[in-house]
Protein backbone atom coordinates (compact mmCIF):
# COMPACT_ATOMS: atom_id res chain seq x y z
CA UNK A 1 -6.14 -2.84 9.90
CA UNK A 2 -6.71 -5.19 6.77
CA UNK A 3 -10.26 -4.44 7.57
CA UNK A 4 -9.99 -0.62 7.59
CA UNK A 5 -7.95 -0.59 4.43
CA UNK A 6 -10.42 -2.89 2.18
CA UNK A 7 -13.13 -0.26 3.61
CA UNK A 8 -11.35 2.53 2.65
CA UNK A 9 -10.74 1.33 -1.07
CA UNK A 10 -14.00 0.20 -1.69
CA UNK A 11 -15.45 4.04 -0.22
CA UNK A 12 -12.94 5.43 -3.08
CA UNK A 13 -14.02 2.97 -5.92
CA UNK A 14 -17.83 3.33 -4.86
CA UNK A 15 -16.84 7.25 -4.78
CA UNK A 16 -15.12 7.07 -8.27
CA UNK A 17 -17.97 5.08 -9.95
CA UNK A 18 -20.71 7.96 -8.43
CA UNK A 19 -18.86 10.60 -9.87
CA UNK A 20 -18.29 8.70 -13.49
CA UNK A 21 -22.12 8.46 -13.57
CA UNK A 22 -22.71 12.84 -13.58
CA UNK A 23 -24.97 13.34 -16.11
CA UNK A 24 -25.63 16.54 -17.90
CA UNK A 25 -27.99 17.98 -20.94
CA UNK A 26 -26.97 18.12 -24.27
CA UNK A 27 -26.92 21.53 -26.22
CA UNK A 28 -29.42 22.46 -28.36
CA UNK A 29 -26.26 22.13 -31.34
CA UNK A 30 -25.29 19.01 -30.06
CA UNK A 31 -24.78 16.57 -33.35
CA UNK A 32 -23.93 13.68 -30.99
CA UNK A 33 -27.53 14.11 -29.14
CA UNK A 34 -29.21 14.92 -32.60
CA UNK A 35 -27.90 11.90 -34.20
CA UNK A 36 -28.96 10.04 -31.22
CA UNK A 37 -32.43 11.50 -31.11
CA UNK A 38 -32.76 11.15 -34.75
CA UNK A 39 -32.10 7.59 -35.03
CA UNK A 40 -34.22 6.90 -31.91
CA UNK A 41 -37.66 8.36 -33.81
CA UNK A 42 -36.53 6.01 -37.01
CA UNK A 43 -36.60 3.17 -35.23
CA UNK A 44 -39.54 3.55 -33.13
CA UNK A 45 -41.06 4.94 -36.79
CA UNK A 46 -39.78 1.02 -38.25
CA UNK A 47 -42.42 -0.53 -36.09
CA UNK A 48 -44.54 0.44 -38.60
CA UNK A 49 -42.71 1.21 -41.98
CA UNK A 50 -39.33 -0.42 -42.97
CA UNK A 51 -37.13 2.58 -43.58
CA UNK A 52 -33.68 1.37 -43.54
CA UNK A 53 -33.11 2.31 -39.85
CA UNK A 54 -32.21 -1.21 -38.72
CA UNK A 55 -28.71 -1.82 -41.57
CA UNK A 56 -28.11 1.73 -40.17
CA UNK A 57 -27.71 1.13 -36.55
CA UNK A 58 -26.76 -2.69 -36.37
CA UNK A 59 -23.72 -4.16 -37.58
CA UNK A 60 -23.65 -6.70 -40.65
CA UNK A 61 -22.53 -9.71 -37.92
CA UNK A 62 -25.32 -8.42 -35.11
CA UNK A 63 -26.99 -11.66 -33.70
CA UNK A 64 -29.79 -10.73 -31.13
CA UNK A 65 -31.47 -13.23 -28.56
CA UNK A 66 -34.94 -12.78 -26.91
CA UNK A 67 -36.07 -12.91 -23.65
CA UNK A 68 -37.17 -16.30 -24.44
CA UNK A 69 -33.84 -18.01 -25.56
CA UNK A 70 -34.11 -18.06 -29.41
CA UNK A 71 -31.40 -16.20 -32.02
CA UNK A 72 -32.31 -13.57 -34.82
CA UNK A 73 -30.84 -12.35 -37.27
């Protein structure tokens, strides 16, 4: 009986997680989507020029870690 209840609970959790991850396309006038696309463009352009996007996107106290384990600020 316990095994069956645990199984049903797992199924319920997985179904809820699957439902929560449903996606949809943003509308053409969605302000959030426009902001994200603009920041993504600036981030890509920032590789070539210092356009200030890093200071816009990352917090002042941001600390990154490279895949090799080195820290950068």
